[in-house]
Amino acid sequence: MVNPKELQQAADAIQEVRRLPAVQRHPELEDLLRRAEEWARREYRKVSEQNGGQHQGRLSGDSPR
């Protein structure tokens, strides 16, 4: 099983990379990284729900609803 903490760390790291000026100058890179970040956040939510909400709470990049 995937560790939710690792998924959260991956999403946060990808978000930091996306902020780099070099990435922002290349839309194709930014798009791939955005999709990877979204995947990590979706998986985090899915794993958290399967674990009974033990790891629930917002990811740092999530916006409040």
N, C-alpha and C. Protein backbone atom coordinates (compact mmCIF):
# COMPACT_ATOMS: atom_id res chain seq x y z
N MET A 1 0.84 -1.17 0.00
CA MET A 1 0.00 0.00 0.00
C MET A 1 0.89 1.24 0.00
N VAL A 2 0.37 2.28 -0.60
CA VAL A 2 1.10 3.53 -0.70
C VAL A 2 1.00 4.28 0.62
N ASN A 3 2.09 4.86 1.03
CA ASN A 3 2.14 5.65 2.25
C ASN A 3 1.58 7.04 1.97
N PRO A 4 0.49 7.44 2.65
CA PRO A 4 -0.09 8.77 2.39
C PRO A 4 0.89 9.91 2.61
N LYS A 5 1.76 9.77 3.59
CA LYS A 5 2.74 10.83 3.86
C LYS A 5 3.68 11.01 2.66
N GLU A 6 4.06 9.90 2.02
CA GLU A 6 4.93 9.99 0.85
C GLU A 6 4.21 10.65 -0.32
N LEU A 7 2.91 10.35 -0.47
CA LEU A 7 2.15 11.01 -1.54
C LEU A 7 2.05 12.50 -1.29
N GLN A 8 1.84 12.87 -0.05
CA GLN A 8 1.76 14.29 0.30
C GLN A 8 3.10 14.97 0.03
N GLN A 9 4.18 14.32 0.42
CA GLN A 9 5.51 14.89 0.19
C GLN A 9 5.79 15.02 -1.30
N ALA A 10 5.38 14.04 -2.09
CA ALA A 10 5.59 14.09 -3.54
C ALA A 10 4.81 15.24 -4.15
N ALA A 11 3.55 15.39 -3.76
CA ALA A 11 2.72 16.48 -4.28
C ALA A 11 3.32 17.83 -3.92
N ASP A 12 3.78 17.97 -2.70
CA ASP A 12 4.38 19.24 -2.26
C ASP A 12 5.68 19.52 -3.02
N ALA A 13 6.48 18.50 -3.24
CA ALA A 13 7.75 18.67 -3.97
C ALA A 13 7.48 19.07 -5.43
N ILE A 14 6.50 18.42 -6.04
CA ILE A 14 6.15 18.76 -7.42
C ILE A 14 5.67 20.20 -7.50
N GLN A 15 4.88 20.60 -6.52
CA GLN A 15 4.38 21.98 -6.49
C GLN A 15 5.55 22.97 -6.44
N GLU A 16 6.55 22.66 -5.63
CA GLU A 16 7.73 23.54 -5.53
C GLU A 16 8.46 23.62 -6.88
N VAL A 17 8.62 22.48 -7.54
CA VAL A 17 9.30 22.45 -8.83
C VAL A 17 8.51 23.27 -9.86
N ARG A 18 7.19 23.17 -9.81
CA ARG A 18 6.34 23.92 -10.75
C ARG A 18 6.53 25.43 -10.61
N ARG A 19 6.94 25.88 -9.44
CA ARG A 19 7.14 27.31 -9.20
C ARG A 19 8.45 27.84 -9.78
N LEU A 20 9.34 26.97 -10.18
CA LEU A 20 10.62 27.40 -10.73
C LEU A 20 10.41 28.15 -12.05
N PRO A 21 11.10 29.27 -12.24
CA PRO A 21 10.94 30.04 -13.47
C PRO A 21 11.21 29.22 -14.74
N ALA A 22 12.19 28.34 -14.70
CA ALA A 22 12.51 27.53 -15.88
C ALA A 22 11.33 26.64 -16.27
N VAL A 23 10.62 26.12 -15.29
CA VAL A 23 9.46 25.27 -15.58
C VAL A 23 8.33 26.14 -16.12
N GLN A 24 8.14 27.29 -15.56
CA GLN A 24 7.06 28.18 -15.99
C GLN A 24 7.26 28.68 -17.41
N ARG A 25 8.49 28.69 -17.88
CA ARG A 25 8.78 29.11 -19.26
C ARG A 25 8.47 28.00 -20.27
N HIS A 26 8.25 26.80 -19.79
CA HIS A 26 8.01 25.66 -20.69
C HIS A 26 6.65 25.04 -20.36
N PRO A 27 5.61 25.46 -21.08
CA PRO A 27 4.25 24.99 -20.77
C PRO A 27 4.10 23.47 -20.79
N GLU A 28 4.83 22.79 -21.65
CA GLU A 28 4.70 21.33 -21.71
C GLU A 28 5.21 20.68 -20.43
N LEU A 29 6.27 21.23 -19.86
CA LEU A 29 6.78 20.73 -18.58
C LEU A 29 5.80 21.02 -17.45
N GLU A 30 5.30 22.25 -17.44
CA GLU A 30 4.36 22.66 -16.40
C GLU A 30 3.12 21.78 -16.44
N ASP A 31 2.64 21.47 -17.63
CA ASP A 31 1.44 20.64 -17.78
C ASP A 31 1.68 19.23 -17.22
N LEU A 32 2.80 18.64 -17.57
CA LEU A 32 3.11 17.30 -17.06
C LEU A 32 3.24 17.29 -15.54
N LEU A 33 3.91 18.29 -15.00
CA LEU A 33 4.07 18.37 -13.55
C LEU A 33 2.75 18.64 -12.85
N ARG A 34 1.89 19.46 -13.45
CA ARG A 34 0.57 19.73 -12.87
C ARG A 34 -0.23 18.43 -12.79
N ARG A 35 -0.19 17.65 -13.87
CA ARG A 35 -0.91 16.37 -13.87
C ARG A 35 -0.35 15.41 -12.83
N ALA A 36 0.96 15.40 -12.68
CA ALA A 36 1.59 14.53 -11.67
C ALA A 36 1.18 14.97 -10.26
N GLU A 37 1.16 16.26 -10.03
CA GLU A 37 0.75 16.77 -8.73
C GLU A 37 -0.71 16.42 -8.44
N GLU A 38 -1.57 16.61 -9.43
CA GLU A 38 -2.99 16.27 -9.26
C GLU A 38 -3.17 14.79 -8.95
N TRP A 39 -2.41 13.94 -9.66
CA TRP A 39 -2.49 12.50 -9.42
C TRP A 39 -2.09 12.18 -7.98
N ALA A 40 -0.99 12.75 -7.53
CA ALA A 40 -0.51 12.48 -6.16
C ALA A 40 -1.55 12.92 -5.13
N ARG A 41 -2.18 14.05 -5.36
CA ARG A 41 -3.19 14.54 -4.42
C ARG A 41 -4.44 13.66 -4.44
N ARG A 42 -4.84 13.21 -5.62
CA ARG A 42 -6.00 12.28 -5.71
C ARG A 42 -5.69 10.98 -4.99
N GLU A 43 -4.51 10.43 -5.23
CA GLU A 43 -4.12 9.18 -4.58
C GLU A 43 -4.05 9.36 -3.06
N TYR A 44 -3.54 10.49 -2.63
CA TYR A 44 -3.47 10.78 -1.20
C TYR A 44 -4.87 10.73 -0.59
N ARG A 45 -5.82 11.40 -1.26
CA ARG A 45 -7.19 11.40 -0.74
C ARG A 45 -7.77 9.98 -0.71
N LYS A 46 -7.53 9.22 -1.79
CA LYS A 46 -8.06 7.87 -1.89
C LYS A 46 -7.48 6.98 -0.79
N VAL A 47 -6.18 7.03 -0.59
CA VAL A 47 -5.54 6.21 0.43
C VAL A 47 -5.99 6.65 1.82
N SER A 48 -6.11 7.96 2.01
CA SER A 48 -6.57 8.46 3.31
C SER A 48 -7.97 7.96 3.63
N GLU A 49 -8.85 7.98 2.64
CA GLU A 49 -10.21 7.48 2.85
C GLU A 49 -10.21 5.99 3.16
N GLN A 50 -9.37 5.23 2.47
CA GLN A 50 -9.29 3.79 2.70
C GLN A 50 -8.75 3.49 4.10
N ASN A 51 -7.94 4.39 4.62
CA ASN A 51 -7.37 4.21 5.96
C ASN A 51 -8.29 4.77 7.04
N GLY A 52 -9.51 5.05 6.69
CA GLY A 52 -10.46 5.53 7.67
C GLY A 52 -10.26 6.98 8.06
N GLY A 53 -9.66 7.75 7.17
CA GLY A 53 -9.50 9.17 7.43
C GLY A 53 -8.38 9.52 8.38
N GLN A 54 -7.50 8.59 8.66
CA GLN A 54 -6.40 8.86 9.59
C GLN A 54 -5.53 10.02 9.12
N HIS A 55 -5.39 10.17 7.82
CA HIS A 55 -4.49 11.19 7.28
C HIS A 55 -5.26 12.31 6.63
N GLN A 56 -6.51 12.48 7.01
CA GLN A 56 -7.28 13.53 6.37
C GLN A 56 -6.82 14.88 6.84
N GLY A 57 -7.32 15.87 6.19
CA GLY A 57 -6.85 17.22 6.39
C GLY A 57 -6.38 17.69 5.05
N ARG A 58 -6.23 18.97 4.93
CA ARG A 58 -5.85 19.50 3.64
C ARG A 58 -4.39 19.27 3.34
N LEU A 59 -4.12 18.98 2.10
CA LEU A 59 -2.75 19.01 1.61
C LEU A 59 -2.37 20.47 1.49
N SER A 60 -1.12 20.77 1.58
CA SER A 60 -0.71 22.17 1.58
C SER A 60 -1.11 22.90 0.30
N GLY A 61 -1.21 22.20 -0.82
CA GLY A 61 -1.58 22.85 -2.07
C GLY A 61 -3.06 22.87 -2.34
N ASP A 62 -3.85 22.24 -1.50
CA ASP A 62 -5.29 22.22 -1.70
C ASP A 62 -5.89 23.54 -1.28
N SER A 63 -6.88 23.94 -2.03
CA SER A 63 -7.60 25.15 -1.64
C SER A 63 -8.79 24.74 -0.78
N PRO A 64 -9.17 25.57 0.17
CA PRO A 64 -10.32 25.22 1.01
C PRO A 64 -11.58 25.22 0.18
N ARG A 65 -12.53 24.38 0.58
CA ARG A 65 -13.78 24.29 -0.18
C ARG A 65 -14.87 25.05 0.51
